[in-house]
Structures are given as structure tokens and as C-alpha cells.
Amino acid sequence: MEFASEMVVNAARSHLRIGEVPVDYRVRAADRSCERSPTAGGTFAFLMLYSPTHLFVVPGLGLLVLGFILLVALLPGPVVLLAGSSTYT
């Protein structure tokens, strides 16, 4: 699975054509080793490494906008939250 994902990503980045080839599928004997593969998360992590825009730029811009909104909200002065529940004298 990892090799197939890597080849698809590299082919797409090289602007190569990708096509499907139908194959005959035969049901295997009950093999429990493939049912819950630990590499499924590895495939997602690999694909995210090839997509730095979605991994770094989009969250970074979101946090930048959030910080700017908070900065503008605090320009008039400090904001007091829960003023009546203070235990300090």
C-alpha cells in the first residue's frame, strides 16, 4: 500500500497519466493479518507530507487571522472576564 501511494503521488507531481487496469480478484483464505493494518495511518501521514499547503499554510493562515481579530478586539483596552467571581481582595 505504501509503495502504491508513493507511486501515485510521484506520477501526479511529474504530470504523468494515471489509469486503472481491471484485474481478476480471488478471495483468499481467512487471513487475519491484513484486516487491521497499522500502515493505514502511515499512508495518510505520507500523503500529508506531500501536501505542505494543506498541512502548514492553511492552519497558519487561520491562526494568523484569529490573532489579528483578537488584536483588533483588544485595541480599545483590556477586557475583563468574569468580574464578579474574583477571590482576591
C-alpha atoms as a PDB file:
ATOM      1  CA  MET A   1       0.000   0.000   0.000  1.00  0.00           C
ATOM      2  CA  GLU A   2       2.752   2.475   0.830  1.00  0.00           C
ATOM      3  CA  PHE A   3       4.532   1.844  -2.478  1.00  0.00           C
ATOM      4  CA  ALA A   4       1.314   2.357  -4.461  1.00  0.00           C
ATOM      5  CA  SER A   5       0.592   5.666  -2.726  1.00  0.00           C
ATOM      6  CA  GLU A   6       4.128   6.875  -3.304  1.00  0.00           C
ATOM      7  CA  MET A   7       3.988   5.988  -6.995  1.00  0.00           C
ATOM      8  CA  VAL A   8       0.637   7.754  -7.496  1.00  0.00           C
ATOM      9  CA  VAL A   9       1.876  10.917  -5.781  1.00  0.00           C
ATOM     10  CA  ASN A  10       5.149  10.969  -7.715  1.00  0.00           C
ATOM     11  CA  ALA A  11       3.359  10.328 -11.017  1.00  0.00           C
ATOM     12  CA  ALA A  12       0.891  13.140 -10.350  1.00  0.00           C
ATOM     13  CA  ARG A  13       3.706  15.549  -9.452  1.00  0.00           C
ATOM     14  CA  SER A  14       5.504  14.611 -12.701  1.00  0.00           C
ATOM     15  CA  HIS A  15       2.304  15.234 -14.702  1.00  0.00           C
ATOM     16  CA  LEU A  16       2.117  11.627 -15.886  1.00  0.00           C
ATOM     17  CA  ARG A  17      -1.126   9.966 -16.878  1.00  0.00           C
ATOM     18  CA  ILE A  18      -2.636   7.621 -14.331  1.00  0.00           C
ATOM     19  CA  GLY A  19      -5.088   4.931 -15.407  1.00  0.00           C
ATOM     20  CA  GLU A  20      -6.873   1.952 -13.944  1.00  0.00           C
ATOM     21  CA  VAL A  21      -6.335  -1.575 -15.136  1.00  0.00           C
ATOM     22  CA  PRO A  22      -9.032  -4.110 -14.229  1.00  0.00           C
ATOM     23  CA  VAL A  23      -7.723  -7.270 -12.583  1.00  0.00           C
ATOM     24  CA  ASP A  24      -9.309 -10.525 -11.508  1.00  0.00           C
ATOM     25  CA  TYR A  25      -9.844 -10.768  -7.783  1.00  0.00           C
ATOM     26  CA  ARG A  26      -9.871 -14.079  -5.986  1.00  0.00           C
ATOM     27  CA  VAL A  27     -10.968 -14.348  -2.388  1.00  0.00           C
ATOM     28  CA  ARG A  28      -8.130 -15.517  -0.175  1.00  0.00           C
ATOM     29  CA  ALA A  29      -8.358 -17.903   2.694  1.00  0.00           C
ATOM     30  CA  ALA A  30      -9.146 -16.328   6.048  1.00  0.00           C
ATOM     31  CA  ASP A  31      -6.006 -14.307   6.681  1.00  0.00           C
ATOM     32  CA  ARG A  32      -6.480 -12.073   9.708  1.00  0.00           C
ATOM     33  CA  SER A  33      -3.100 -10.317   9.335  1.00  0.00           C
ATOM     34  CA  CYS A  34      -4.417  -7.889   6.694  1.00  0.00           C
ATOM     35  CA  GLU A  35      -7.694  -6.896   8.325  1.00  0.00           C
ATOM     36  CA  ARG A  36      -6.403  -4.092  10.521  1.00  0.00           C
ATOM     37  CA  SER A  37      -3.198  -2.887   9.017  1.00  0.00           C
ATOM     38  CA  PRO A  38      -1.189  -0.399  11.102  1.00  0.00           C
ATOM     39  CA  THR A  39       0.058   1.231   7.888  1.00  0.00           C
ATOM     40  CA  ALA A  40      -3.245   2.983   7.180  1.00  0.00           C
ATOM     41  CA  GLY A  41      -2.180   5.931   9.346  1.00  0.00           C
ATOM     42  CA  GLY A  42       1.254   5.854   7.735  1.00  0.00           C
ATOM     43  CA  THR A  43      -0.299   6.290   4.305  1.00  0.00           C
ATOM     44  CA  PHE A  44      -2.234   9.343   5.484  1.00  0.00           C
ATOM     45  CA  ALA A  45       0.905  10.818   7.061  1.00  0.00           C
ATOM     46  CA  PHE A  46       2.854  10.206   3.840  1.00  0.00           C
ATOM     47  CA  LEU A  47       0.217  11.916   1.712  1.00  0.00           C
ATOM     48  CA  MET A  48       0.128  14.894   4.075  1.00  0.00           C
ATOM     49  CA  LEU A  49       3.905  15.282   3.796  1.00  0.00           C
ATOM     50  CA  TYR A  50       3.472  15.728   0.044  1.00  0.00           C
ATOM     51  CA  SER A  51       0.840  18.416   0.677  1.00  0.00           C
ATOM     52  CA  PRO A  52       2.533  21.156   2.720  1.00  0.00           C
ATOM     53  CA  THR A  53      -0.107  23.683   1.672  1.00  0.00           C
ATOM     54  CA  HIS A  54      -2.866  21.845   3.480  1.00  0.00           C
ATOM     55  CA  LEU A  55      -0.620  20.823   6.338  1.00  0.00           C
ATOM     56  CA  PHE A  56       1.079  24.123   7.193  1.00  0.00           C
ATOM     57  CA  VAL A  57      -0.205  27.110   5.204  1.00  0.00           C
ATOM     58  CA  VAL A  58      -3.953  26.717   5.774  1.00  0.00           C
ATOM     59  CA  PRO A  59      -3.750  26.281   9.585  1.00  0.00           C
ATOM     60  CA  GLY A  60      -1.102  29.018   9.770  1.00  0.00           C
ATOM     61  CA  LEU A  61      -3.291  31.494   7.917  1.00  0.00           C
ATOM     62  CA  GLY A  62      -6.250  30.553  10.108  1.00  0.00           C
ATOM     63  CA  LEU A  63      -4.261  31.219  13.267  1.00  0.00           C
ATOM     64  CA  LEU A  64      -2.951  34.467  11.794  1.00  0.00           C
ATOM     65  CA  VAL A  65      -6.490  35.693  11.112  1.00  0.00           C
ATOM     66  CA  LEU A  66      -7.613  34.622  14.607  1.00  0.00           C
ATOM     67  CA  GLY A  67      -4.705  36.522  16.180  1.00  0.00           C
ATOM     68  CA  PHE A  68      -5.471  39.619  14.127  1.00  0.00           C
ATOM     69  CA  ILE A  69      -9.132  39.524  15.191  1.00  0.00           C
ATOM     70  CA  LEU A  70      -8.106  39.243  18.851  1.00  0.00           C
ATOM     71  CA  LEU A  71      -5.634  42.087  18.419  1.00  0.00           C
ATOM     72  CA  VAL A  72      -8.290  44.374  16.955  1.00  0.00           C
ATOM     73  CA  ALA A  73     -10.732  43.378  19.722  1.00  0.00           C
ATOM     74  CA  LEU A  74      -8.201  44.348  22.410  1.00  0.00           C
ATOM     75  CA  LEU A  75      -7.146  47.701  20.893  1.00  0.00           C
ATOM     76  CA  PRO A  76      -9.599  49.783  22.999  1.00  0.00           C
ATOM     77  CA  GLY A  77      -8.168  48.376  26.228  1.00  0.00           C
ATOM     78  CA  PRO A  78      -8.209  45.329  28.468  1.00  0.00           C
ATOM     79  CA  VAL A  79     -11.272  43.114  28.573  1.00  0.00           C
ATOM     80  CA  VAL A  80     -12.452  41.860  31.972  1.00  0.00           C
ATOM     81  CA  LEU A  81     -13.986  38.392  32.002  1.00  0.00           C
ATOM     82  CA  LEU A  82     -15.968  37.055  34.966  1.00  0.00           C
ATOM     83  CA  ALA A  83     -15.545  40.223  37.038  1.00  0.00           C
ATOM     84  CA  GLY A  84     -17.794  39.107  39.892  1.00  0.00           C
ATOM     85  CA  SER A  85     -16.133  35.754  40.631  1.00  0.00           C
ATOM     86  CA  SER A  86     -12.732  37.030  41.810  1.00  0.00           C
ATOM     87  CA  THR A  87     -11.487  35.644  45.143  1.00  0.00           C
ATOM     88  CA  TYR A  88      -8.703  38.211  45.503  1.00  0.00           C
ATOM     89  CA  THR A  89      -9.160  41.139  47.918  1.00  0.00           C
END
